[in-house]
Amino acid sequence: TSARRHDDDQVTVTAHIDPPGEPQQDVQAEAWIRVLEEGRSLEWG
């Protein structure tokens, strides 16, 4: 539902999930994304 870049390669994402046996919920997670202009690639994790 959202993605926000901060601190260079760091990204905070929010997702709306519906886990089995649990109520629907929004969860936040941290990830990283590197944009490699040369070679037109992105790496993430």
PDB file of all heavy atoms in Angstrom:
ATOM      1  N   THR A   1       0.813  -1.215   0.000  1.00  0.00           N
ATOM      2  CA  THR A   1       0.000   0.000   0.000  1.00  0.00           C
ATOM      3  C   THR A   1       0.847   1.266   0.000  1.00  0.00           C
ATOM      4  O   THR A   1       0.355   2.325  -0.350  1.00  0.00           O
ATOM      5  CB  THR A   1      -0.952   0.012   1.213  1.00  0.00           C
ATOM      6  OG1 THR A   1      -0.185  -0.085   2.413  1.00  0.00           O
ATOM      7  CG2 THR A   1      -1.955  -1.135   1.121  1.00  0.00           C
ATOM      8  N   SER A   2       2.118   1.152   0.386  1.00  0.00           N
ATOM      9  CA  SER A   2       3.016   2.310   0.316  1.00  0.00           C
ATOM     10  C   SER A   2       4.465   1.847   0.312  1.00  0.00           C
ATOM     11  O   SER A   2       4.790   0.765   0.800  1.00  0.00           O
ATOM     12  CB  SER A   2       2.780   3.285   1.477  1.00  0.00           C
ATOM     13  OG  SER A   2       3.238   2.736   2.685  1.00  0.00           O
ATOM     14  N   ALA A   3       5.305   2.707  -0.257  1.00  0.00           N
ATOM     15  CA  ALA A   3       6.756   2.477  -0.266  1.00  0.00           C
ATOM     16  C   ALA A   3       7.413   3.847  -0.187  1.00  0.00           C
ATOM     17  O   ALA A   3       7.063   4.757  -0.935  1.00  0.00           O
ATOM     18  CB  ALA A   3       7.174   1.753  -1.530  1.00  0.00           C
ATOM     19  N   ARG A   4       8.348   3.980   0.747  1.00  0.00           N
ATOM     20  CA  ARG A   4       9.001   5.270   0.970  1.00  0.00           C
ATOM     21  C   ARG A   4      10.502   5.057   1.109  1.00  0.00           C
ATOM     22  O   ARG A   4      10.966   4.317   1.961  1.00  0.00           O
ATOM     23  CB  ARG A   4       8.443   5.918   2.234  1.00  0.00           C
ATOM     24  CG  ARG A   4       8.974   7.297   2.525  1.00  0.00           C
ATOM     25  CD  ARG A   4       8.305   7.913   3.749  1.00  0.00           C
ATOM     26  NE  ARG A   4       8.210   7.004   4.885  1.00  0.00           N
ATOM     27  CZ  ARG A   4       9.175   6.834   5.795  1.00  0.00           C
ATOM     28  NH1 ARG A   4      10.311   7.482   5.696  1.00  0.00           N
ATOM     29  NH2 ARG A   4       8.992   6.007   6.808  1.00  0.00           N
ATOM     30  N   ARG A   5      11.259   5.732   0.242  1.00  0.00           N
ATOM     31  CA  ARG A   5      12.720   5.651   0.298  1.00  0.00           C
ATOM     32  C   ARG A   5      13.244   6.623   1.354  1.00  0.00           C
ATOM     33  O   ARG A   5      12.724   7.721   1.504  1.00  0.00           O
ATOM     34  CB  ARG A   5      13.327   6.010  -1.059  1.00  0.00           C
ATOM     35  CG  ARG A   5      14.852   5.898  -1.076  1.00  0.00           C
ATOM     36  CD  ARG A   5      15.431   6.335  -2.396  1.00  0.00           C
ATOM     37  NE  ARG A   5      15.119   5.464  -3.495  1.00  0.00           N
ATOM     38  CZ  ARG A   5      15.790   4.356  -3.802  1.00  0.00           C
ATOM     39  NH1 ARG A   5      16.819   3.994  -3.073  1.00  0.00           N
ATOM     40  NH2 ARG A   5      15.447   3.625  -4.830  1.00  0.00           N
ATOM     41  N   HIS A   6      14.264   6.195   2.070  1.00  0.00           N
ATOM     42  CA  HIS A   6      14.949   7.053   3.034  1.00  0.00           C
ATOM     43  C   HIS A   6      16.347   6.483   3.252  1.00  0.00           C
ATOM     44  O   HIS A   6      16.621   5.325   2.934  1.00  0.00           O
ATOM     45  CB  HIS A   6      14.177   7.134   4.359  1.00  0.00           C
ATOM     46  CG  HIS A   6      13.909   5.803   4.989  1.00  0.00           C
ATOM     47  ND1 HIS A   6      14.762   5.208   5.876  1.00  0.00           N
ATOM     48  CD2 HIS A   6      12.882   4.934   4.828  1.00  0.00           C
ATOM     49  CE1 HIS A   6      14.269   4.033   6.244  1.00  0.00           C
ATOM     50  NE2 HIS A   6      13.141   3.840   5.625  1.00  0.00           N
ATOM     51  N   ASP A   7      17.236   7.289   3.750  1.00  0.00           N
ATOM     52  CA  ASP A   7      18.596   6.834   4.061  1.00  0.00           C
ATOM     53  C   ASP A   7      19.227   6.048   2.909  1.00  0.00           C
ATOM     54  O   ASP A   7      19.504   4.856   3.025  1.00  0.00           O
ATOM     55  CB  ASP A   7      18.611   5.977   5.337  1.00  0.00           C
ATOM     56  CG  ASP A   7      18.101   6.730   6.545  1.00  0.00           C
ATOM     57  OD1 ASP A   7      18.265   7.965   6.584  1.00  0.00           O
ATOM     58  OD2 ASP A   7      17.531   6.087   7.437  1.00  0.00           O
ATOM     59  N   ASP A   8      19.434   6.703   1.787  1.00  0.00           N
ATOM     60  CA  ASP A   8      20.073   6.104   0.607  1.00  0.00           C
ATOM     61  C   ASP A   8      19.272   4.945   0.044  1.00  0.00           C
ATOM     62  O   ASP A   8      18.265   5.155  -0.593  1.00  0.00           O
ATOM     63  CB  ASP A   8      21.511   5.682   0.907  1.00  0.00           C
ATOM     64  CG  ASP A   8      22.399   6.865   1.249  1.00  0.00           C
ATOM     65  OD1 ASP A   8      22.255   7.912   0.588  1.00  0.00           O
ATOM     66  OD2 ASP A   8      23.218   6.744   2.168  1.00  0.00           O
ATOM     67  N   ASP A   9      19.703   3.706   0.280  1.00  0.00           N
ATOM     68  CA  ASP A   9      19.075   2.537  -0.321  1.00  0.00           C
ATOM     69  C   ASP A   9      17.933   1.957   0.502  1.00  0.00           C
ATOM     70  O   ASP A   9      17.298   0.997   0.084  1.00  0.00           O
ATOM     71  CB  ASP A   9      20.112   1.419  -0.523  1.00  0.00           C
ATOM     72  CG  ASP A   9      21.208   1.815  -1.495  1.00  0.00           C
ATOM     73  OD1 ASP A   9      20.986   2.741  -2.295  1.00  0.00           O
ATOM     74  OD2 ASP A   9      22.282   1.193  -1.448  1.00  0.00           O
ATOM     75  N   GLN A  10      17.686   2.500   1.675  1.00  0.00           N
ATOM     76  CA  GLN A  10      16.675   1.929   2.572  1.00  0.00           C
ATOM     77  C   GLN A  10      15.264   2.340   2.154  1.00  0.00           C
ATOM     78  O   GLN A  10      15.032   3.476   1.738  1.00  0.00           O
ATOM     79  CB  GLN A  10      16.932   2.360   4.010  1.00  0.00           C
ATOM     80  CG  GLN A  10      18.280   1.929   4.538  1.00  0.00           C
ATOM     81  CD  GLN A  10      18.477   0.423   4.464  1.00  0.00           C
ATOM     82  OE1 GLN A  10      17.690  -0.332   4.990  1.00  0.00           O
ATOM     83  NE2 GLN A  10      19.522  -0.011   3.781  1.00  0.00           N
ATOM     84  N   VAL A  11      14.336   1.379   2.285  1.00  0.00           N
ATOM     85  CA  VAL A  11      12.950   1.600   1.905  1.00  0.00           C
ATOM     86  C   VAL A  11      12.052   1.032   3.003  1.00  0.00           C
ATOM     87  O   VAL A  11      12.295  -0.079   3.487  1.00  0.00           O
ATOM     88  CB  VAL A  11      12.625   0.905   0.563  1.00  0.00           C
ATOM     89  CG1 VAL A  11      11.162   1.084   0.197  1.00  0.00           C
ATOM     90  CG2 VAL A  11      13.521   1.421  -0.545  1.00  0.00           C
ATOM     91  N   THR A  12      11.031   1.781   3.373  1.00  0.00           N
ATOM     92  CA  THR A  12      10.007   1.276   4.281  1.00  0.00           C
ATOM     93  C   THR A  12       8.766   0.992   3.449  1.00  0.00           C
ATOM     94  O   THR A  12       8.306   1.857   2.695  1.00  0.00           O
ATOM     95  CB  THR A  12       9.664   2.303   5.375  1.00  0.00           C
ATOM     96  OG1 THR A  12      10.847   2.590   6.125  1.00  0.00           O
ATOM     97  CG2 THR A  12       8.591   1.780   6.304  1.00  0.00           C
ATOM     98  N   VAL A  13       8.266  -0.237   3.543  1.00  0.00           N
ATOM     99  CA  VAL A  13       7.066  -0.622   2.805  1.00  0.00           C
ATOM    100  C   VAL A  13       5.960  -0.992   3.783  1.00  0.00           C
ATOM    101  O   VAL A  13       6.217  -1.487   4.874  1.00  0.00           O
ATOM    102  CB  VAL A  13       7.326  -1.794   1.830  1.00  0.00           C
ATOM    103  CG1 VAL A  13       8.295  -1.382   0.735  1.00  0.00           C
ATOM    104  CG2 VAL A  13       7.828  -3.017   2.557  1.00  0.00           C
ATOM    105  N   THR A  14       4.737  -0.743   3.366  1.00  0.00           N
ATOM    106  CA  THR A  14       3.563  -1.151   4.128  1.00  0.00           C
ATOM    107  C   THR A  14       2.720  -2.029   3.220  1.00  0.00           C
ATOM    108  O   THR A  14       2.524  -1.717   2.038  1.00  0.00           O
ATOM    109  CB  THR A  14       2.737   0.073   4.582  1.00  0.00           C
ATOM    110  OG1 THR A  14       3.584   0.942   5.335  1.00  0.00           O
ATOM    111  CG2 THR A  14       1.552  -0.353   5.428  1.00  0.00           C
ATOM    112  N   ALA A  15       2.247  -3.144   3.776  1.00  0.00           N
ATOM    113  CA  ALA A  15       1.421  -4.084   3.013  1.00  0.00           C
ATOM    114  C   ALA A  15       0.162  -4.409   3.807  1.00  0.00           C
ATOM    115  O   ALA A  15       0.171  -4.443   5.039  1.00  0.00           O
ATOM    116  CB  ALA A  15       2.199  -5.357   2.729  1.00  0.00           C
ATOM    117  N   HIS A  16      -0.921  -4.647   3.088  1.00  0.00           N
ATOM    118  CA  HIS A  16      -2.168  -5.096   3.695  1.00  0.00           C
ATOM    119  C   HIS A  16      -2.241  -6.605   3.475  1.00  0.00           C
ATOM    120  O   HIS A  16      -2.264  -7.065   2.336  1.00  0.00           O
ATOM    121  CB  HIS A  16      -3.365  -4.402   3.048  1.00  0.00           C
ATOM    122  CG  HIS A  16      -4.647  -4.709   3.742  1.00  0.00           C
ATOM    123  ND1 HIS A  16      -4.988  -4.136   4.940  1.00  0.00           N
ATOM    124  CD2 HIS A  16      -5.658  -5.540   3.419  1.00  0.00           C
ATOM    125  CE1 HIS A  16      -6.169  -4.597   5.319  1.00  0.00           C
ATOM    126  NE2 HIS A  16      -6.589  -5.456   4.418  1.00  0.00           N
ATOM    127  N   ILE A  17      -2.231  -7.369   4.565  1.00  0.00           N
ATOM    128  CA  ILE A  17      -2.203  -8.826   4.449  1.00  0.00           C
ATOM    129  C   ILE A  17      -3.429  -9.440   5.109  1.00  0.00           C
ATOM    130  O   ILE A  17      -4.087  -8.826   5.949  1.00  0.00           O
ATOM    131  CB  ILE A  17      -0.914  -9.421   5.056  1.00  0.00           C
ATOM    132  CG1 ILE A  17      -0.818  -9.110   6.552  1.00  0.00           C
ATOM    133  CG2 ILE A  17       0.316  -8.898   4.310  1.00  0.00           C
ATOM    134  CD1 ILE A  17       0.302  -9.858   7.260  1.00  0.00           C
ATOM    135  N   ASP A  18      -3.709 -10.661   4.701  1.00  0.00           N
ATOM    136  CA  ASP A  18      -4.845 -11.423   5.216  1.00  0.00           C
ATOM    137  C   ASP A  18      -4.353 -12.820   5.601  1.00  0.00           C
ATOM    138  O   ASP A  18      -4.598 -13.799   4.896  1.00  0.00           O
ATOM    139  CB  ASP A  18      -5.929 -11.498   4.142  1.00  0.00           C
ATOM    140  CG  ASP A  18      -7.226 -12.089   4.650  1.00  0.00           C
ATOM    141  OD1 ASP A  18      -7.356 -12.305   5.872  1.00  0.00           O
ATOM    142  OD2 ASP A  18      -8.112 -12.347   3.812  1.00  0.00           O
ATOM    143  N   PRO A  19      -3.625 -12.918   6.738  1.00  0.00           N
ATOM    144  CA  PRO A  19      -3.052 -14.217   7.108  1.00  0.00           C
ATOM    145  C   PRO A  19      -4.134 -15.218   7.524  1.00  0.00           C
ATOM    146  O   PRO A  19      -5.132 -14.826   8.141  1.00  0.00           O
ATOM    147  CB  PRO A  19      -2.131 -13.892   8.285  1.00  0.00           C
ATOM    148  CG  PRO A  19      -2.502 -12.528   8.738  1.00  0.00           C
ATOM    149  CD  PRO A  19      -3.292 -11.866   7.665  1.00  0.00           C
ATOM    150  N   PRO A  20      -3.951 -16.485   7.173  1.00  0.00           N
ATOM    151  CA  PRO A  20      -4.943 -17.502   7.535  1.00  0.00           C
ATOM    152  C   PRO A  20      -5.156 -17.553   9.048  1.00  0.00           C
ATOM    153  O   PRO A  20      -4.203 -17.558   9.817  1.00  0.00           O
ATOM    154  CB  PRO A  20      -4.323 -18.813   7.045  1.00  0.00           C
ATOM    155  CG  PRO A  20      -3.251 -18.424   6.093  1.00  0.00           C
ATOM    156  CD  PRO A  20      -2.815 -17.041   6.469  1.00  0.00           C
ATOM    157  N   GLY A  21      -6.415 -17.543   9.451  1.00  0.00           N
ATOM    158  CA  GLY A  21      -6.744 -17.655  10.871  1.00  0.00           C
ATOM    159  C   GLY A  21      -6.522 -16.399  11.679  1.00  0.00           C
ATOM    160  O   GLY A  21      -6.651 -16.416  12.899  1.00  0.00           O
ATOM    161  N   GLU A  22      -6.163 -15.310  11.022  1.00  0.00           N
ATOM    162  CA  GLU A  22      -5.929 -14.046  11.718  1.00  0.00           C
ATOM    163  C   GLU A  22      -6.686 -12.935  10.994  1.00  0.00           C
ATOM    164  O   GLU A  22      -7.033 -13.077   9.825  1.00  0.00           O
ATOM    165  CB  GLU A  22      -4.437 -13.699  11.718  1.00  0.00           C
ATOM    166  CG  GLU A  22      -3.560 -14.678  12.470  1.00  0.00           C
ATOM    167  CD  GLU A  22      -2.097 -14.253  12.442  1.00  0.00           C
ATOM    168  OE1 GLU A  22      -1.826 -13.041  12.528  1.00  0.00           O
ATOM    169  OE2 GLU A  22      -1.235 -15.135  12.325  1.00  0.00           O
ATOM    170  N   PRO A  23      -6.935 -11.832  11.688  1.00  0.00           N
ATOM    171  CA  PRO A  23      -7.619 -10.720  11.015  1.00  0.00           C
ATOM    172  C   PRO A  23      -6.699 -10.040   9.994  1.00  0.00           C
ATOM    173  O   PRO A  23      -5.478 -10.105  10.102  1.00  0.00           O
ATOM    174  CB  PRO A  23      -7.946  -9.755  12.164  1.00  0.00           C
ATOM    175  CG  PRO A  23      -7.029 -10.121  13.274  1.00  0.00           C
ATOM    176  CD  PRO A  23      -6.674 -11.571  13.102  1.00  0.00           C
ATOM    177  N   GLN A  24      -7.323  -9.394   9.011  1.00  0.00           N
ATOM    178  CA  GLN A  24      -6.553  -8.600   8.054  1.00  0.00           C
ATOM    179  C   GLN A  24      -5.799  -7.531   8.822  1.00  0.00           C
ATOM    180  O   GLN A  24      -6.268  -7.038   9.841  1.00  0.00           O
ATOM    181  CB  GLN A  24      -7.479  -7.941   7.040  1.00  0.00           C
ATOM    182  CG  GLN A  24      -8.152  -8.910   6.112  1.00  0.00           C
ATOM    183  CD  GLN A  24      -8.978  -8.188   5.055  1.00  0.00           C
ATOM    184  OE1 GLN A  24      -8.873  -6.980   4.859  1.00  0.00           O
ATOM    185  NE2 GLN A  24      -9.801  -8.953   4.365  1.00  0.00           N
ATOM    186  N   GLN A  25      -4.624  -7.191   8.307  1.00  0.00           N
ATOM    187  CA  GLN A  25      -3.816  -6.201   9.007  1.00  0.00           C
ATOM    188  C   GLN A  25      -2.825  -5.530   8.067  1.00  0.00           C
ATOM    189  O   GLN A  25      -2.514  -6.060   7.005  1.00  0.00           O
ATOM    190  CB  GLN A  25      -3.067  -6.860  10.160  1.00  0.00           C
ATOM    191  CG  GLN A  25      -2.229  -8.050   9.729  1.00  0.00           C
ATOM    192  CD  GLN A  25      -1.742  -8.862  10.902  1.00  0.00           C
ATOM    193  OE1 GLN A  25      -0.851  -8.402  11.607  1.00  0.00           O
ATOM    194  NE2 GLN A  25      -2.302 -10.047  11.106  1.00  0.00           N
ATOM    195  N   ASP A  26      -2.366  -4.367   8.486  1.00  0.00           N
ATOM    196  CA  ASP A  26      -1.301  -3.673   7.775  1.00  0.00           C
ATOM    197  C   ASP A  26      -0.006  -3.938   8.520  1.00  0.00           C
ATOM    198  O   ASP A  26       0.036  -3.876   9.748  1.00  0.00           O
ATOM    199  CB  ASP A  26      -1.561  -2.168   7.725  1.00  0.00           C
ATOM    200  CG  ASP A  26      -2.707  -1.812   6.798  1.00  0.00           C
ATOM    201  OD1 ASP A  26      -2.952  -2.570   5.842  1.00  0.00           O
ATOM    202  OD2 ASP A  26      -3.366  -0.786   7.029  1.00  0.00           O
ATOM    203  N   VAL A  27       1.036  -4.272   7.775  1.00  0.00           N
ATOM    204  CA  VAL A  27       2.346  -4.523   8.368  1.00  0.00           C
ATOM    205  C   VAL A  27       3.383  -3.663   7.661  1.00  0.00           C
ATOM    206  O   VAL A  27       3.272  -3.389   6.476  1.00  0.00           O
ATOM    207  CB  VAL A  27       2.754  -6.020   8.296  1.00  0.00           C
ATOM    208  CG1 VAL A  27       1.823  -6.870   9.132  1.00  0.00           C
ATOM    209  CG2 VAL A  27       2.774  -6.517   6.857  1.00  0.00           C
ATOM    210  N   GLN A  28       4.382  -3.240   8.414  1.00  0.00           N
ATOM    211  CA  GLN A  28       5.491  -2.463   7.858  1.00  0.00           C
ATOM    212  C   GLN A  28       6.748  -3.299   7.901  1.00  0.00           C
ATOM    213  O   GLN A  28       6.933  -4.116   8.804  1.00  0.00           O
ATOM    214  CB  GLN A  28       5.728  -1.195   8.663  1.00  0.00           C
ATOM    215  CG  GLN A  28       5.064  -0.005   8.098  1.00  0.00           C
ATOM    216  CD  GLN A  28       5.568   1.294   8.724  1.00  0.00           C
ATOM    217  OE1 GLN A  28       6.289   1.300   9.710  1.00  0.00           O
ATOM    218  NE2 GLN A  28       5.168   2.393   8.127  1.00  0.00           N
ATOM    219  N   ALA A  29       7.613  -3.083   6.909  1.00  0.00           N
ATOM    220  CA  ALA A  29       8.888  -3.788   6.872  1.00  0.00           C
ATOM    221  C   ALA A  29       9.938  -2.864   6.274  1.00  0.00           C
ATOM    222  O   ALA A  29       9.623  -1.914   5.554  1.00  0.00           O
ATOM    223  CB  ALA A  29       8.770  -5.058   6.038  1.00  0.00           C
ATOM    224  N   GLU A  30      11.170  -3.182   6.591  1.00  0.00           N
ATOM    225  CA  GLU A  30      12.305  -2.453   6.028  1.00  0.00           C
ATOM    226  C   GLU A  30      12.949  -3.325   4.955  1.00  0.00           C
ATOM    227  O   GLU A  30      13.026  -4.549   5.090  1.00  0.00           O
ATOM    228  CB  GLU A  30      13.331  -2.126   7.108  1.00  0.00           C
ATOM    229  CG  GLU A  30      12.801  -1.208   8.194  1.00  0.00           C
ATOM    230  CD  GLU A  30      12.380   0.155   7.659  1.00  0.00           C
ATOM    231  OE1 GLU A  30      13.116   0.752   6.846  1.00  0.00           O
ATOM    232  OE2 GLU A  30      11.301   0.632   8.073  1.00  0.00           O
ATOM    233  N   ALA A  31      13.404  -2.694   3.896  1.00  0.00           N
ATOM    234  CA  ALA A  31      14.082  -3.388   2.805  1.00  0.00           C
ATOM    235  C   ALA A  31      15.137  -2.431   2.248  1.00  0.00           C
ATOM    236  O   ALA A  31      15.284  -1.305   2.717  1.00  0.00           O
ATOM    237  CB  ALA A  31      13.082  -3.786   1.722  1.00  0.00           C
ATOM    238  N   TRP A  32      15.853  -2.892   1.256  1.00  0.00           N
ATOM    239  CA  TRP A  32      16.795  -2.024   0.564  1.00  0.00           C
ATOM    240  C   TRP A  32      16.648  -2.234  -0.937  1.00  0.00           C
ATOM    241  O   TRP A  32      16.284  -3.321  -1.392  1.00  0.00           O
ATOM    242  CB  TRP A  32      18.239  -2.251   1.003  1.00  0.00           C
ATOM    243  CG  TRP A  32      18.708  -3.684   0.873  1.00  0.00           C
ATOM    244  CD1 TRP A  32      18.650  -4.654   1.832  1.00  0.00           C
ATOM    245  CD2 TRP A  32      19.298  -4.306  -0.277  1.00  0.00           C
ATOM    246  NE1 TRP A  32      19.159  -5.836   1.354  1.00  0.00           N
ATOM    247  CE2 TRP A  32      19.568  -5.654   0.061  1.00  0.00           C
ATOM    248  CE3 TRP A  32      19.625  -3.870  -1.560  1.00  0.00           C
ATOM    249  CZ2 TRP A  32      20.144  -6.552  -0.835  1.00  0.00           C
ATOM    250  CZ3 TRP A  32      20.200  -4.767  -2.450  1.00  0.00           C
ATOM    251  CH2 TRP A  32      20.455  -6.080  -2.077  1.00  0.00           C
ATOM    252  N   ILE A  33      16.863  -1.159  -1.682  1.00  0.00           N
ATOM    253  CA  ILE A  33      16.825  -1.216  -3.142  1.00  0.00           C
ATOM    254  C   ILE A  33      17.982  -0.381  -3.660  1.00  0.00           C
ATOM    255  O   ILE A  33      18.141   0.781  -3.268  1.00  0.00           O
ATOM    256  CB  ILE A  33      15.501  -0.679  -3.717  1.00  0.00           C
ATOM    257  CG1 ILE A  33      14.337  -1.566  -3.288  1.00  0.00           C
ATOM    258  CG2 ILE A  33      15.583  -0.574  -5.236  1.00  0.00           C
ATOM    259  CD1 ILE A  33      12.978  -1.092  -3.771  1.00  0.00           C
ATOM    260  N   ARG A  34      18.791  -0.973  -4.519  1.00  0.00           N
ATOM    261  CA  ARG A  34      19.887  -0.251  -5.179  1.00  0.00           C
ATOM    262  C   ARG A  34      19.550  -0.116  -6.664  1.00  0.00           C
ATOM    263  O   ARG A  34      19.286  -1.102  -7.330  1.00  0.00           O
ATOM    264  CB  ARG A  34      21.195  -1.019  -5.053  1.00  0.00           C
ATOM    265  CG  ARG A  34      21.736  -1.011  -3.667  1.00  0.00           C
ATOM    266  CD  ARG A  34      23.122  -1.662  -3.620  1.00  0.00           C
ATOM    267  NE  ARG A  34      23.388  -2.016  -2.238  1.00  0.00           N
ATOM    268  CZ  ARG A  34      23.414  -3.248  -1.766  1.00  0.00           C
ATOM    269  NH1 ARG A  34      23.257  -4.275  -2.572  1.00  0.00           N
ATOM    270  NH2 ARG A  34      23.637  -3.474  -0.498  1.00  0.00           N
ATOM    271  N   VAL A  35      19.582   1.107  -7.137  1.00  0.00           N
ATOM    272  CA  VAL A  35      19.342   1.385  -8.551  1.00  0.00           C
ATOM    273  C   VAL A  35      20.699   1.483  -9.228  1.00  0.00           C
ATOM    274  O   VAL A  35      21.527   2.313  -8.855  1.00  0.00           O
ATOM    275  CB  VAL A  35      18.548   2.693  -8.720  1.00  0.00           C
ATOM    276  CG1 VAL A  35      18.369   3.022 -10.192  1.00  0.00           C
ATOM    277  CG2 VAL A  35      17.199   2.599  -8.009  1.00  0.00           C
ATOM    278  N   LEU A  36      20.942   0.618 -10.187  1.00  0.00           N
ATOM    279  CA  LEU A  36      22.200   0.596 -10.928  1.00  0.00           C
ATOM    280  C   LEU A  36      21.928   1.131 -12.333  1.00  0.00           C
ATOM    281  O   LEU A  36      21.533   0.383 -13.229  1.00  0.00           O
ATOM    282  CB  LEU A  36      22.761  -0.830 -10.979  1.00  0.00           C
ATOM    283  CG  LEU A  36      22.865  -1.526  -9.611  1.00  0.00           C
ATOM    284  CD1 LEU A  36      23.187  -3.000  -9.779  1.00  0.00           C
ATOM    285  CD2 LEU A  36      23.910  -0.832  -8.759  1.00  0.00           C
ATOM    286  N   GLU A  37      22.094   2.458 -12.482  1.00  0.00           N
ATOM    287  CA  GLU A  37      21.781   3.112 -13.753  1.00  0.00           C
ATOM    288  C   GLU A  37      22.525   2.450 -14.912  1.00  0.00           C
ATOM    289  O   GLU A  37      21.930   2.137 -15.935  1.00  0.00           O
ATOM    290  CB  GLU A  37      22.140   4.600 -13.689  1.00  0.00           C
ATOM    291  CG  GLU A  37      21.347   5.383 -12.673  1.00  0.00           C
ATOM    292  CD  GLU A  37      19.920   5.679 -13.092  1.00  0.00           C
ATOM    293  OE1 GLU A  37      19.607   5.612 -14.299  1.00  0.00           O
ATOM    294  OE2 GLU A  37      19.114   5.977 -12.202  1.00  0.00           O
ATOM    295  N   GLU A  38      23.832   2.251 -14.720  1.00  0.00           N
ATOM    296  CA  GLU A  38      24.606   1.585 -15.766  1.00  0.00           C
ATOM    297  C   GLU A  38      24.210   0.114 -15.777  1.00  0.00           C
ATOM    298  O   GLU A  38      24.278  -0.573 -14.770  1.00  0.00           O
ATOM    299  CB  GLU A  38      26.103   1.722 -15.497  1.00  0.00           C
ATOM    300  CG  GLU A  38      26.936   1.273 -16.672  1.00  0.00           C
ATOM    301  CD  GLU A  38      28.391   1.625 -16.482  1.00  0.00           C
ATOM    302  OE1 GLU A  38      28.680   2.704 -15.942  1.00  0.00           O
ATOM    303  OE2 GLU A  38      29.219   0.797 -16.868  1.00  0.00           O
ATOM    304  N   GLY A  39      23.739  -0.345 -16.890  1.00  0.00           N
ATOM    305  CA  GLY A  39      23.274  -1.717 -16.980  1.00  0.00           C
ATOM    306  C   GLY A  39      21.785  -1.866 -16.722  1.00  0.00           C
ATOM    307  O   GLY A  39      21.234  -2.950 -16.807  1.00  0.00           O
ATOM    308  N   ARG A  40      21.104  -0.755 -16.386  1.00  0.00           N
ATOM    309  CA  ARG A  40      19.663  -0.751 -16.137  1.00  0.00           C
ATOM    310  C   ARG A  40      19.213  -1.926 -15.269  1.00  0.00           C
ATOM    311  O   ARG A  40      18.403  -2.758 -15.662  1.00  0.00           O
ATOM    312  CB  ARG A  40      18.884  -0.767 -17.450  1.00  0.00           C
ATOM    313  CG  ARG A  40      18.985   0.512 -18.234  1.00  0.00           C
ATOM    314  CD  ARG A  40      18.043   0.508 -19.415  1.00  0.00           C
ATOM    315  NE  ARG A  40      18.132   1.741 -20.143  1.00  0.00           N
ATOM    316  CZ  ARG A  40      18.222   1.817 -21.466  1.00  0.00           C
ATOM    317  NH1 ARG A  40      18.215   0.733 -22.188  1.00  0.00           N
ATOM    318  NH2 ARG A  40      18.300   2.980 -22.044  1.00  0.00           N
ATOM    319  N   SER A  41      19.751  -1.973 -14.061  1.00  0.00           N
ATOM    320  CA  SER A  41      19.410  -3.041 -13.120  1.00  0.00           C
ATOM    321  C   SER A  41      19.003  -2.453 -11.778  1.00  0.00           C
ATOM    322  O   SER A  41      19.388  -1.345 -11.429  1.00  0.00           O
ATOM    323  CB  SER A  41      20.608  -3.968 -12.904  1.00  0.00           C
ATOM    324  OG  SER A  41      20.952  -4.632 -14.093  1.00  0.00           O
ATOM    325  N   LEU A  42      18.231  -3.223 -11.039  1.00  0.00           N
ATOM    326  CA  LEU A  42      17.908  -2.919  -9.655  1.00  0.00           C
ATOM    327  C   LEU A  42      18.195  -4.165  -8.845  1.00  0.00           C
ATOM    328  O   LEU A  42      17.941  -5.285  -9.307  1.00  0.00           O
ATOM    329  CB  LEU A  42      16.424  -2.569  -9.489  1.00  0.00           C
ATOM    330  CG  LEU A  42      16.007  -1.172  -9.928  1.00  0.00           C
ATOM    331  CD1 LEU A  42      15.295  -1.271 -11.252  1.00  0.00           C
ATOM    332  CD2 LEU A  42      15.095  -0.577  -8.897  1.00  0.00           C
ATOM    333  N   GLU A  43      18.716  -3.961  -7.647  1.00  0.00           N
ATOM    334  CA  GLU A  43      18.921  -5.066  -6.707  1.00  0.00           C
ATOM    335  C   GLU A  43      18.122  -4.728  -5.458  1.00  0.00           C
ATOM    336  O   GLU A  43      18.007  -3.560  -5.095  1.00  0.00           O
ATOM    337  CB  GLU A  43      20.401  -5.203  -6.353  1.00  0.00           C
ATOM    338  CG  GLU A  43      21.263  -5.570  -7.536  1.00  0.00           C
ATOM    339  CD  GLU A  43      22.741  -5.592  -7.194  1.00  0.00           C
ATOM    340  OE1 GLU A  43      23.158  -4.920  -6.222  1.00  0.00           O
ATOM    341  OE2 GLU A  43      23.482  -6.263  -7.920  1.00  0.00           O
ATOM    342  N   TRP A  44      17.564  -5.732  -4.807  1.00  0.00           N
ATOM    343  CA  TRP A  44      16.782  -5.491  -3.606  1.00  0.00           C
ATOM    344  C   TRP A  44      16.927  -6.647  -2.646  1.00  0.00           C
ATOM    345  O   TRP A  44      17.366  -7.735  -3.015  1.00  0.00           O
ATOM    346  CB  TRP A  44      15.307  -5.269  -3.936  1.00  0.00           C
ATOM    347  CG  TRP A  44      14.609  -6.526  -4.348  1.00  0.00           C
ATOM    348  CD1 TRP A  44      13.972  -7.421  -3.526  1.00  0.00           C
ATOM    349  CD2 TRP A  44      14.515  -7.076  -5.656  1.00  0.00           C
ATOM    350  NE1 TRP A  44      13.474  -8.479  -4.255  1.00  0.00           N
ATOM    351  CE2 TRP A  44      13.805  -8.290  -5.574  1.00  0.00           C
ATOM    352  CE3 TRP A  44      14.961  -6.659  -6.913  1.00  0.00           C
ATOM    353  CZ2 TRP A  44      13.534  -9.078  -6.669  1.00  0.00           C
ATOM    354  CZ3 TRP A  44      14.683  -7.460  -8.003  1.00  0.00           C
ATOM    355  CH2 TRP A  44      13.976  -8.635  -7.879  1.00  0.00           C
ATOM    356  N   GLY A  45      16.510  -6.396  -1.430  1.00  0.00           N
ATOM    357  CA  GLY A  45      16.518  -7.443  -0.424  1.00  0.00           C
ATOM    358  C   GLY A  45      15.809  -6.982   0.826  1.00  0.00           C
ATOM    359  O   GLY A  45      15.502  -5.803   0.992  1.00  0.00           O
TER     360      GLY A  45
END
